[in-house]
Structures are given as structure tokens and as C-alpha cells.
Amino acid sequence: LKVRIGPDGILKIETPTQLRDIETEVVVVLQTATVEPLDAN
């Protein structure tokens, strides 16, 4: 997913899955998006 963290610093993730009513393990890796620098135009 590509998400934006709000100014409060809280990451909110809502995504549908095929899984229902089970216990699962979730791994979250935060990596800032690389933005290519642009000129004045």
C-alpha cells in the first residue's frame, strides 16, 4: 500500500482481505517514498 501518515503521526491502514474471523500476524515495514527532485518548472 501507499499511504500518507497524518500530521498527528498516526498510520491508519484499512484494507479488505479474503480472511475472515481468524487470528493472524501482520508485519508492517515503513519506508519513506523516494521523490525525484524537480526543477523550478
PDB file of all heavy atoms in Angstrom:
ATOM      1  N   LEU A   1       0.832  -1.197   0.000  1.00  0.00           N
ATOM      2  CA  LEU A   1       0.000   0.000   0.000  1.00  0.00           C
ATOM      3  C   LEU A   1       0.866   1.245   0.000  1.00  0.00           C
ATOM      4  O   LEU A   1       1.965   1.239   0.536  1.00  0.00           O
ATOM      5  CB  LEU A   1      -0.877   0.039   1.260  1.00  0.00           C
ATOM      6  CG  LEU A   1      -1.787  -1.141   1.526  1.00  0.00           C
ATOM      7  CD1 LEU A   1      -2.365  -1.036   2.925  1.00  0.00           C
ATOM      8  CD2 LEU A   1      -2.891  -1.181   0.505  1.00  0.00           C
ATOM      9  N   LYS A   2       0.361   2.307  -0.587  1.00  0.00           N
ATOM     10  CA  LYS A   2       0.976   3.616  -0.461  1.00  0.00           C
ATOM     11  C   LYS A   2       0.027   4.432   0.396  1.00  0.00           C
ATOM     12  O   LYS A   2      -1.134   4.616   0.048  1.00  0.00           O
ATOM     13  CB  LYS A   2       1.126   4.261  -1.835  1.00  0.00           C
ATOM     14  CG  LYS A   2       2.461   4.872  -2.070  1.00  0.00           C
ATOM     15  CD  LYS A   2       2.571   5.419  -3.452  1.00  0.00           C
ATOM     16  CE  LYS A   2       3.969   5.162  -3.929  1.00  0.00           C
ATOM     17  NZ  LYS A   2       4.275   5.833  -5.143  1.00  0.00           N
ATOM     18  N   VAL A   3       0.491   4.855   1.561  1.00  0.00           N
ATOM     19  CA  VAL A   3      -0.370   5.586   2.493  1.00  0.00           C
ATOM     20  C   VAL A   3       0.294   6.879   2.914  1.00  0.00           C
ATOM     21  O   VAL A   3       1.495   7.063   2.726  1.00  0.00           O
ATOM     22  CB  VAL A   3      -0.682   4.729   3.749  1.00  0.00           C
ATOM     23  CG1 VAL A   3      -1.443   3.484   3.378  1.00  0.00           C
ATOM     24  CG2 VAL A   3       0.571   4.369   4.500  1.00  0.00           C
ATOM     25  N   ARG A   4      -0.491   7.768   3.456  1.00  0.00           N
ATOM     26  CA  ARG A   4       0.034   9.020   3.984  1.00  0.00           C
ATOM     27  C   ARG A   4      -0.211   9.032   5.488  1.00  0.00           C
ATOM     28  O   ARG A   4      -1.329   8.790   5.933  1.00  0.00           O
ATOM     29  CB  ARG A   4      -0.661  10.206   3.330  1.00  0.00           C
ATOM     30  CG  ARG A   4      -0.130  11.537   3.801  1.00  0.00           C
ATOM     31  CD  ARG A   4      -0.492  12.618   2.793  1.00  0.00           C
ATOM     32  NE  ARG A   4       0.229  13.830   2.976  1.00  0.00           N
ATOM     33  CZ  ARG A   4       1.483  14.060   2.609  1.00  0.00           C
ATOM     34  NH1 ARG A   4       2.168  13.092   2.074  1.00  0.00           N
ATOM     35  NH2 ARG A   4       2.050  15.218   2.780  1.00  0.00           N
ATOM     36  N   ILE A   5       0.839   9.311   6.219  1.00  0.00           N
ATOM     37  CA  ILE A   5       0.725   9.420   7.668  1.00  0.00           C
ATOM     38  C   ILE A   5       0.297  10.842   7.973  1.00  0.00           C
ATOM     39  O   ILE A   5       0.878  11.799   7.478  1.00  0.00           O
ATOM     40  CB  ILE A   5       2.064   9.081   8.349  1.00  0.00           C
ATOM     41  CG1 ILE A   5       2.447   7.639   8.030  1.00  0.00           C
ATOM     42  CG2 ILE A   5       1.974   9.305   9.852  1.00  0.00           C
ATOM     43  CD1 ILE A   5       3.813   7.225   8.538  1.00  0.00           C
ATOM     44  N   GLY A   6      -0.744  10.975   8.761  1.00  0.00           N
ATOM     45  CA  GLY A   6      -1.308  12.283   9.080  1.00  0.00           C
ATOM     46  C   GLY A   6      -0.387  13.115   9.952  1.00  0.00           C
ATOM     47  O   GLY A   6       0.609  12.627  10.490  1.00  0.00           O
ATOM     48  N   PRO A   7      -0.712  14.386  10.115  1.00  0.00           N
ATOM     49  CA  PRO A   7       0.119  15.276  10.925  1.00  0.00           C
ATOM     50  C   PRO A   7       0.189  14.850  12.393  1.00  0.00           C
ATOM     51  O   PRO A   7       1.092  15.261  13.112  1.00  0.00           O
ATOM     52  CB  PRO A   7      -0.543  16.648  10.774  1.00  0.00           C
ATOM     53  CG  PRO A   7      -1.898  16.387  10.243  1.00  0.00           C
ATOM     54  CD  PRO A   7      -1.860  15.068   9.550  1.00  0.00           C
ATOM     55  N   ASP A   8      -0.737  13.998  12.811  1.00  0.00           N
ATOM     56  CA  ASP A   8      -0.707  13.513  14.189  1.00  0.00           C
ATOM     57  C   ASP A   8       0.273  12.351  14.365  1.00  0.00           C
ATOM     58  O   ASP A   8       0.491  11.875  15.467  1.00  0.00           O
ATOM     59  CB  ASP A   8      -2.102  13.086  14.634  1.00  0.00           C
ATOM     60  CG  ASP A   8      -2.726  12.055  13.705  1.00  0.00           C
ATOM     61  OD1 ASP A   8      -2.071  11.638  12.727  1.00  0.00           O
ATOM     62  OD2 ASP A   8      -3.877  11.669  13.955  1.00  0.00           O
ATOM     63  N   GLY A   9       0.885  11.884  13.258  1.00  0.00           N
ATOM     64  CA  GLY A   9       1.865  10.805  13.324  1.00  0.00           C
ATOM     65  C   GLY A   9       1.254   9.423  13.417  1.00  0.00           C
ATOM     66  O   GLY A   9       1.951   8.449  13.659  1.00  0.00           O
ATOM     67  N   ILE A  10      -0.047   9.305  13.181  1.00  0.00           N
ATOM     68  CA  ILE A  10      -0.725   8.018  13.276  1.00  0.00           C
ATOM     69  C   ILE A  10      -0.948   7.444  11.876  1.00  0.00           C
ATOM     70  O   ILE A  10      -1.480   8.110  10.994  1.00  0.00           O
ATOM     71  CB  ILE A  10      -2.069   8.157  14.023  1.00  0.00           C
ATOM     72  CG1 ILE A  10      -1.807   8.594  15.466  1.00  0.00           C
ATOM     73  CG2 ILE A  10      -2.844   6.846  13.983  1.00  0.00           C
ATOM     74  CD1 ILE A  10      -3.049   8.851  16.262  1.00  0.00           C
ATOM     75  N   LEU A  11      -0.525   6.207  11.703  1.00  0.00           N
ATOM     76  CA  LEU A  11      -0.719   5.491  10.449  1.00  0.00           C
ATOM     77  C   LEU A  11      -2.008   4.696  10.553  1.00  0.00           C
ATOM     78  O   LEU A  11      -2.172   3.883  11.456  1.00  0.00           O
ATOM     79  CB  LEU A  11       0.463   4.542  10.188  1.00  0.00           C
ATOM     80  CG  LEU A  11       0.303   3.553   9.049  1.00  0.00           C
ATOM     81  CD1 LEU A  11       0.176   4.272   7.725  1.00  0.00           C
ATOM     82  CD2 LEU A  11       1.471   2.593   9.036  1.00  0.00           C
ATOM     83  N   LYS A  12      -2.923   4.929   9.638  1.00  0.00           N
ATOM     84  CA  LYS A  12      -4.193   4.207   9.625  1.00  0.00           C
ATOM     85  C   LYS A  12      -4.242   3.348   8.369  1.00  0.00           C
ATOM     86  O   LYS A  12      -4.095   3.859   7.262  1.00  0.00           O
ATOM     87  CB  LYS A  12      -5.362   5.181   9.647  1.00  0.00           C
ATOM     88  CG  LYS A  12      -5.393   6.040  10.893  1.00  0.00           C
ATOM     89  CD  LYS A  12      -6.474   7.077  10.817  1.00  0.00           C
ATOM     90  CE  LYS A  12      -6.345   8.011  12.008  1.00  0.00           C
ATOM     91  NZ  LYS A  12      -7.146   9.196  11.854  1.00  0.00           N
ATOM     92  N   ILE A  13      -4.435   2.056   8.544  1.00  0.00           N
ATOM     93  CA  ILE A  13      -4.498   1.135   7.412  1.00  0.00           C
ATOM     94  C   ILE A  13      -5.847   0.435   7.436  1.00  0.00           C
ATOM     95  O   ILE A  13      -6.201  -0.207   8.420  1.00  0.00           O
ATOM     96  CB  ILE A  13      -3.372   0.083   7.483  1.00  0.00           C
ATOM     97  CG1 ILE A  13      -2.020   0.766   7.452  1.00  0.00           C
ATOM     98  CG2 ILE A  13      -3.505  -0.904   6.344  1.00  0.00           C
ATOM     99  CD1 ILE A  13      -0.861  -0.175   7.646  1.00  0.00           C
ATOM    100  N   GLU A  14      -6.593   0.574   6.375  1.00  0.00           N
ATOM    101  CA  GLU A  14      -7.845  -0.142   6.205  1.00  0.00           C
ATOM    102  C   GLU A  14      -7.811  -0.776   4.829  1.00  0.00           C
ATOM    103  O   GLU A  14      -7.743  -0.085   3.822  1.00  0.00           O
ATOM    104  CB  GLU A  14      -9.033   0.812   6.314  1.00  0.00           C
ATOM    105  CG  GLU A  14      -9.250   1.368   7.700  1.00  0.00           C
ATOM    106  CD  GLU A  14     -10.497   2.236   7.784  1.00  0.00           C
ATOM    107  OE1 GLU A  14     -11.426   2.042   6.975  1.00  0.00           O
ATOM    108  OE2 GLU A  14     -10.518   3.111   8.649  1.00  0.00           O
ATOM    109  N   THR A  15      -7.833  -2.096   4.786  1.00  0.00           N
ATOM    110  CA  THR A  15      -7.814  -2.789   3.518  1.00  0.00           C
ATOM    111  C   THR A  15      -8.603  -4.082   3.630  1.00  0.00           C
ATOM    112  O   THR A  15      -8.494  -4.795   4.632  1.00  0.00           O
ATOM    113  CB  THR A  15      -6.368  -3.055   3.045  1.00  0.00           C
ATOM    114  OG1 THR A  15      -6.403  -3.679   1.773  1.00  0.00           O
ATOM    115  CG2 THR A  15      -5.613  -3.920   4.011  1.00  0.00           C
ATOM    116  N   PRO A  16      -9.415  -4.394   2.644  1.00  0.00           N
ATOM    117  CA  PRO A  16     -10.172  -5.645   2.698  1.00  0.00           C
ATOM    118  C   PRO A  16      -9.257  -6.839   2.401  1.00  0.00           C
ATOM    119  O   PRO A  16      -8.285  -6.720   1.659  1.00  0.00           O
ATOM    120  CB  PRO A  16     -11.212  -5.478   1.591  1.00  0.00           C
ATOM    121  CG  PRO A  16     -10.619  -4.491   0.655  1.00  0.00           C
ATOM    122  CD  PRO A  16      -9.739  -3.596   1.482  1.00  0.00           C
ATOM    123  N   THR A  17      -9.541  -7.966   3.013  1.00  0.00           N
ATOM    124  CA  THR A  17      -8.803  -9.201   2.747  1.00  0.00           C
ATOM    125  C   THR A  17      -9.798 -10.331   2.539  1.00  0.00           C
ATOM    126  O   THR A  17     -11.000 -10.187   2.804  1.00  0.00           O
ATOM    127  CB  THR A  17      -7.869  -9.571   3.908  1.00  0.00           C
ATOM    128  OG1 THR A  17      -8.660  -9.916   5.030  1.00  0.00           O
ATOM    129  CG2 THR A  17      -6.928  -8.442   4.260  1.00  0.00           C
ATOM    130  N   GLN A  18      -9.287 -11.453   2.085  1.00  0.00           N
ATOM    131  CA  GLN A  18     -10.111 -12.646   1.927  1.00  0.00           C
ATOM    132  C   GLN A  18     -10.282 -13.366   3.263  1.00  0.00           C
ATOM    133  O   GLN A  18     -11.104 -14.261   3.386  1.00  0.00           O
ATOM    134  CB  GLN A  18      -9.463 -13.587   0.900  1.00  0.00           C
ATOM    135  CG  GLN A  18      -9.280 -12.962  -0.460  1.00  0.00           C
ATOM    136  CD  GLN A  18     -10.606 -12.612  -1.119  1.00  0.00           C
ATOM    137  OE1 GLN A  18     -11.600 -13.297  -0.911  1.00  0.00           O
ATOM    138  NE2 GLN A  18     -10.624 -11.529  -1.879  1.00  0.00           N
ATOM    139  N   LEU A  19      -9.487 -12.990   4.264  1.00  0.00           N
ATOM    140  CA  LEU A  19      -9.513 -13.665   5.556  1.00  0.00           C
ATOM    141  C   LEU A  19     -10.683 -13.165   6.390  1.00  0.00           C
ATOM    142  O   LEU A  19     -10.994 -11.983   6.393  1.00  0.00           O
ATOM    143  CB  LEU A  19      -8.198 -13.425   6.299  1.00  0.00           C
ATOM    144  CG  LEU A  19      -6.926 -13.778   5.517  1.00  0.00           C
ATOM    145  CD1 LEU A  19      -5.702 -13.350   6.292  1.00  0.00           C
ATOM    146  CD2 LEU A  19      -6.893 -15.267   5.219  1.00  0.00           C
ATOM    147  N   ARG A  20     -11.310 -14.076   7.142  1.00  0.00           N
ATOM    148  CA  ARG A  20     -12.453 -13.699   7.971  1.00  0.00           C
ATOM    149  C   ARG A  20     -12.347 -14.402   9.328  1.00  0.00           C
ATOM    150  O   ARG A  20     -12.062 -15.595   9.391  1.00  0.00           O
ATOM    151  CB  ARG A  20     -13.777 -14.139   7.336  1.00  0.00           C
ATOM    152  CG  ARG A  20     -14.038 -13.558   5.958  1.00  0.00           C
ATOM    153  CD  ARG A  20     -14.758 -12.213   6.098  1.00  0.00           C
ATOM    154  NE  ARG A  20     -15.287 -11.762   4.835  1.00  0.00           N
ATOM    155  CZ  ARG A  20     -14.646 -10.960   4.004  1.00  0.00           C
ATOM    156  NH1 ARG A  20     -13.446 -10.557   4.273  1.00  0.00           N
ATOM    157  NH2 ARG A  20     -15.204 -10.556   2.888  1.00  0.00           N
ATOM    158  N   ASP A  21     -12.573 -13.675  10.388  1.00  0.00           N
ATOM    159  CA  ASP A  21     -12.733 -14.221  11.727  1.00  0.00           C
ATOM    160  C   ASP A  21     -11.614 -15.191  12.132  1.00  0.00           C
ATOM    161  O   ASP A  21     -11.873 -16.302  12.589  1.00  0.00           O
ATOM    162  CB  ASP A  21     -14.112 -14.909  11.827  1.00  0.00           C
ATOM    163  CG  ASP A  21     -14.515 -15.117  13.271  1.00  0.00           C
ATOM    164  OD1 ASP A  21     -14.078 -14.321  14.134  1.00  0.00           O
ATOM    165  OD2 ASP A  21     -15.241 -16.083  13.546  1.00  0.00           O
ATOM    166  N   ILE A  22     -10.362 -14.785  11.887  1.00  0.00           N
ATOM    167  CA  ILE A  22      -9.220 -15.600  12.299  1.00  0.00           C
ATOM    168  C   ILE A  22      -8.167 -14.699  12.922  1.00  0.00           C
ATOM    169  O   ILE A  22      -8.141 -13.491  12.679  1.00  0.00           O
ATOM    170  CB  ILE A  22      -8.591 -16.392  11.124  1.00  0.00           C
ATOM    171  CG1 ILE A  22      -7.998 -15.449  10.090  1.00  0.00           C
ATOM    172  CG2 ILE A  22      -9.575 -17.323  10.489  1.00  0.00           C
ATOM    173  CD1 ILE A  22      -7.121 -16.144   9.077  1.00  0.00           C
ATOM    174  N   GLU A  23      -7.294 -15.290  13.684  1.00  0.00           N
ATOM    175  CA  GLU A  23      -6.167 -14.562  14.246  1.00  0.00           C
ATOM    176  C   GLU A  23      -5.028 -14.662  13.240  1.00  0.00           C
ATOM    177  O   GLU A  23      -4.758 -15.725  12.690  1.00  0.00           O
ATOM    178  CB  GLU A  23      -5.752 -15.190  15.582  1.00  0.00           C
ATOM    179  CG  GLU A  23      -4.767 -14.343  16.332  1.00  0.00           C
ATOM    180  CD  GLU A  23      -4.575 -14.859  17.744  1.00  0.00           C
ATOM    181  OE1 GLU A  23      -5.587 -15.102  18.429  1.00  0.00           O
ATOM    182  OE2 GLU A  23      -3.413 -15.025  18.124  1.00  0.00           O
ATOM    183  N   THR A  24      -4.356 -13.553  12.995  1.00  0.00           N
ATOM    184  CA  THR A  24      -3.289 -13.536  12.001  1.00  0.00           C
ATOM    185  C   THR A  24      -2.152 -12.641  12.479  1.00  0.00           C
ATOM    186  O   THR A  24      -2.318 -11.849  13.402  1.00  0.00           O
ATOM    187  CB  THR A  24      -3.821 -13.066  10.628  1.00  0.00           C
ATOM    188  OG1 THR A  24      -2.793 -13.167   9.665  1.00  0.00           O
ATOM    189  CG2 THR A  24      -4.303 -11.630  10.683  1.00  0.00           C
ATOM    190  N   GLU A  25      -1.014 -12.775  11.854  1.00  0.00           N
ATOM    191  CA  GLU A  25       0.144 -11.948  12.168  1.00  0.00           C
ATOM    192  C   GLU A  25       0.362 -10.978  11.013  1.00  0.00           C
ATOM    193  O   GLU A  25       0.309 -11.359   9.856  1.00  0.00           O
ATOM    194  CB  GLU A  25       1.375 -12.844  12.332  1.00  0.00           C
ATOM    195  CG  GLU A  25       2.609 -12.114  12.763  1.00  0.00           C
ATOM    196  CD  GLU A  25       3.753 -13.085  13.009  1.00  0.00           C
ATOM    197  OE1 GLU A  25       3.627 -13.938  13.890  1.00  0.00           O
ATOM    198  OE2 GLU A  25       4.757 -12.968  12.297  1.00  0.00           O
ATOM    199  N   VAL A  26       0.598  -9.711  11.358  1.00  0.00           N
ATOM    200  CA  VAL A  26       0.789  -8.674  10.345  1.00  0.00           C
ATOM    201  C   VAL A  26       2.160  -8.051  10.556  1.00  0.00           C
ATOM    202  O   VAL A  26       2.539  -7.724  11.677  1.00  0.00           O
ATOM    203  CB  VAL A  26      -0.301  -7.585  10.455  1.00  0.00           C
ATOM    204  CG1 VAL A  26      -0.054  -6.461   9.456  1.00  0.00           C
ATOM    205  CG2 VAL A  26      -1.670  -8.199  10.245  1.00  0.00           C
ATOM    206  N   VAL A  27       2.918  -7.891   9.464  1.00  0.00           N
ATOM    207  CA  VAL A  27       4.224  -7.242   9.511  1.00  0.00           C
ATOM    208  C   VAL A  27       4.114  -5.931   8.747  1.00  0.00           C
ATOM    209  O   VAL A  27       3.691  -5.921   7.599  1.00  0.00           O
ATOM    210  CB  VAL A  27       5.322  -8.133   8.883  1.00  0.00           C
ATOM    211  CG1 VAL A  27       6.651  -7.414   8.886  1.00  0.00           C
ATOM    212  CG2 VAL A  27       5.402  -9.459   9.597  1.00  0.00           C
ATOM    213  N   VAL A  28       4.499  -4.831   9.369  1.00  0.00           N
ATOM    214  CA  VAL A  28       4.458  -3.519   8.723  1.00  0.00           C
ATOM    215  C   VAL A  28       5.882  -3.007   8.610  1.00  0.00           C
ATOM    216  O   VAL A  28       6.620  -2.951   9.590  1.00  0.00           O
ATOM    217  CB  VAL A  28       3.611  -2.520   9.543  1.00  0.00           C
ATOM    218  CG1 VAL A  28       3.637  -1.142   8.910  1.00  0.00           C
ATOM    219  CG2 VAL A  28       2.188  -3.029   9.673  1.00  0.00           C
ATOM    220  N   VAL A  29       6.298  -2.666   7.389  1.00  0.00           N
ATOM    221  CA  VAL A  29       7.615  -2.101   7.140  1.00  0.00           C
ATOM    222  C   VAL A  29       7.403  -0.677   6.645  1.00  0.00           C
ATOM    223  O   VAL A  29       6.772  -0.459   5.623  1.00  0.00           O
ATOM    224  CB  VAL A  29       8.391  -2.923   6.073  1.00  0.00           C
ATOM    225  CG1 VAL A  29       9.736  -2.287   5.794  1.00  0.00           C
ATOM    226  CG2 VAL A  29       8.539  -4.366   6.506  1.00  0.00           C
ATOM    227  N   LEU A  30       7.918   0.284   7.371  1.00  0.00           N
ATOM    228  CA  LEU A  30       7.799   1.687   6.958  1.00  0.00           C
ATOM    229  C   LEU A  30       9.026   2.080   6.148  1.00  0.00           C
ATOM    230  O   LEU A  30      10.154   1.903   6.583  1.00  0.00           O
ATOM    231  CB  LEU A  30       7.673   2.601   8.172  1.00  0.00           C
ATOM    232  CG  LEU A  30       6.402   2.436   8.996  1.00  0.00           C
ATOM    233  CD1 LEU A  30       6.436   3.375  10.186  1.00  0.00           C
ATOM    234  CD2 LEU A  30       5.182   2.686   8.158  1.00  0.00           C
ATOM    235  N   GLN A  31       8.781   2.589   4.952  1.00  0.00           N
ATOM    236  CA  GLN A  31       9.862   3.050   4.084  1.00  0.00           C
ATOM    237  C   GLN A  31       9.377   4.322   3.422  1.00  0.00           C
ATOM    238  O   GLN A  31       8.349   4.321   2.746  1.00  0.00           O
ATOM    239  CB  GLN A  31      10.179   1.990   3.025  1.00  0.00           C
ATOM    240  CG  GLN A  31      11.261   2.406   2.072  1.00  0.00           C
ATOM    241  CD  GLN A  31      11.577   1.286   1.083  1.00  0.00           C
ATOM    242  OE1 GLN A  31      11.225   0.146   1.293  1.00  0.00           O
ATOM    243  NE2 GLN A  31      12.250   1.646   0.023  1.00  0.00           N
ATOM    244  N   THR A  32      10.088   5.405   3.626  1.00  0.00           N
ATOM    245  CA  THR A  32       9.650   6.666   3.034  1.00  0.00           C
ATOM    246  C   THR A  32       9.755   6.575   1.514  1.00  0.00           C
ATOM    247  O   THR A  32      10.659   5.939   0.971  1.00  0.00           O
ATOM    248  CB  THR A  32      10.510   7.848   3.536  1.00  0.00           C
ATOM    249  OG1 THR A  32      11.870   7.587   3.232  1.00  0.00           O
ATOM    250  CG2 THR A  32      10.352   8.045   5.020  1.00  0.00           C
ATOM    251  N   ALA A  33       8.802   7.202   0.857  1.00  0.00           N
ATOM    252  CA  ALA A  33       8.772   7.194  -0.596  1.00  0.00           C
ATOM    253  C   ALA A  33       9.896   8.082  -1.124  1.00  0.00           C
ATOM    254  O   ALA A  33      10.122   9.175  -0.610  1.00  0.00           O
ATOM    255  CB  ALA A  33       7.421   7.697  -1.096  1.00  0.00           C
ATOM    256  N   THR A  34      10.586   7.594  -2.135  1.00  0.00           N
ATOM    257  CA  THR A  34      11.635   8.411  -2.737  1.00  0.00           C
ATOM    258  C   THR A  34      10.985   9.315  -3.774  1.00  0.00           C
ATOM    259  O   THR A  34      10.262   8.856  -4.649  1.00  0.00           O
ATOM    260  CB  THR A  34      12.712   7.546  -3.411  1.00  0.00           C
ATOM    261  OG1 THR A  34      12.078   6.694  -4.373  1.00  0.00           O
ATOM    262  CG2 THR A  34      13.424   6.690  -2.391  1.00  0.00           C
ATOM    263  N   VAL A  35      11.224  10.580  -3.632  1.00  0.00           N
ATOM    264  CA  VAL A  35      10.651  11.566  -4.538  1.00  0.00           C
ATOM    265  C   VAL A  35      11.785  12.165  -5.349  1.00  0.00           C
ATOM    266  O   VAL A  35      12.754  12.685  -4.792  1.00  0.00           O
ATOM    267  CB  VAL A  35       9.911  12.671  -3.756  1.00  0.00           C
ATOM    268  CG1 VAL A  35       9.347  13.706  -4.697  1.00  0.00           C
ATOM    269  CG2 VAL A  35       8.824  12.064  -2.893  1.00  0.00           C
ATOM    270  N   GLU A  36      11.655  12.053  -6.665  1.00  0.00           N
ATOM    271  CA  GLU A  36      12.688  12.610  -7.539  1.00  0.00           C
ATOM    272  C   GLU A  36      12.610  14.133  -7.493  1.00  0.00           C
ATOM    273  O   GLU A  36      11.522  14.701  -7.628  1.00  0.00           O
ATOM    274  CB  GLU A  36      12.457  12.114  -8.974  1.00  0.00           C
ATOM    275  CG  GLU A  36      13.563  12.469  -9.914  1.00  0.00           C
ATOM    276  CD  GLU A  36      13.359  11.841 -11.289  1.00  0.00           C
ATOM    277  OE1 GLU A  36      12.693  10.817 -11.388  1.00  0.00           O
ATOM    278  OE2 GLU A  36      13.880  12.423 -12.251  1.00  0.00           O
ATOM    279  N   PRO A  37      13.737  14.802  -7.300  1.00  0.00           N
ATOM    280  CA  PRO A  37      13.707  16.270  -7.239  1.00  0.00           C
ATOM    281  C   PRO A  37      13.319  16.859  -8.594  1.00  0.00           C
ATOM    282  O   PRO A  37      13.624  16.291  -9.648  1.00  0.00           O
ATOM    283  CB  PRO A  37      15.150  16.639  -6.877  1.00  0.00           C
ATOM    284  CG  PRO A  37      15.966  15.478  -7.323  1.00  0.00           C
ATOM    285  CD  PRO A  37      15.081  14.267  -7.195  1.00  0.00           C
ATOM    286  N   LEU A  38      12.621  17.979  -8.564  1.00  0.00           N
ATOM    287  CA  LEU A  38      12.187  18.652  -9.781  1.00  0.00           C
ATOM    288  C   LEU A  38      12.804  20.040  -9.833  1.00  0.00           C
ATOM    289  O   LEU A  38      13.139  20.623  -8.811  1.00  0.00           O
ATOM    290  CB  LEU A  38      10.662  18.767  -9.800  1.00  0.00           C
ATOM    291  CG  LEU A  38       9.884  17.452  -9.697  1.00  0.00           C
ATOM    292  CD1 LEU A  38       8.392  17.744  -9.641  1.00  0.00           C
ATOM    293  CD2 LEU A  38      10.205  16.535 -10.848  1.00  0.00           C
ATOM    294  N   ASP A  39      12.954  20.557 -11.068  1.00  0.00           N
ATOM    295  CA  ASP A  39      13.479  21.912 -11.190  1.00  0.00           C
ATOM    296  C   ASP A  39      12.357  22.917 -10.934  1.00  0.00           C
ATOM    297  O   ASP A  39      11.241  22.550 -10.582  1.00  0.00           O
ATOM    298  CB  ASP A  39      14.152  22.120 -12.558  1.00  0.00           C
ATOM    299  CG  ASP A  39      13.179  22.069 -13.725  1.00  0.00           C
ATOM    300  OD1 ASP A  39      11.949  22.070 -13.504  1.00  0.00           O
ATOM    301  OD2 ASP A  39      13.644  22.034 -14.875  1.00  0.00           O
ATOM    302  N   ALA A  40      12.639  24.195 -11.125  1.00  0.00           N
ATOM    303  CA  ALA A  40      11.669  25.248 -10.831  1.00  0.00           C
ATOM    304  C   ALA A  40      10.413  25.142 -11.694  1.00  0.00           C
ATOM    305  O   ALA A  40       9.348  25.618 -11.307  1.00  0.00           O
ATOM    306  CB  ALA A  40      12.316  26.615 -11.020  1.00  0.00           C
ATOM    307  N   ASN A  41      10.522  24.501 -12.867  1.00  0.00           N
ATOM    308  CA  ASN A  41       9.377  24.359 -13.768  1.00  0.00           C
ATOM    309  C   ASN A  41       8.644  23.039 -13.592  1.00  0.00           C
ATOM    310  O   ASN A  41       7.713  22.740 -14.321  1.00  0.00           O
ATOM    311  CB  ASN A  41       9.828  24.506 -15.216  1.00  0.00           C
ATOM    312  CG  ASN A  41      10.353  25.894 -15.503  1.00  0.00           C
ATOM    313  OD1 ASN A  41       9.770  26.886 -15.060  1.00  0.00           O
ATOM    314  ND2 ASN A  41      11.451  25.985 -16.215  1.00  0.00           N
TER     315      ASN A  41
END
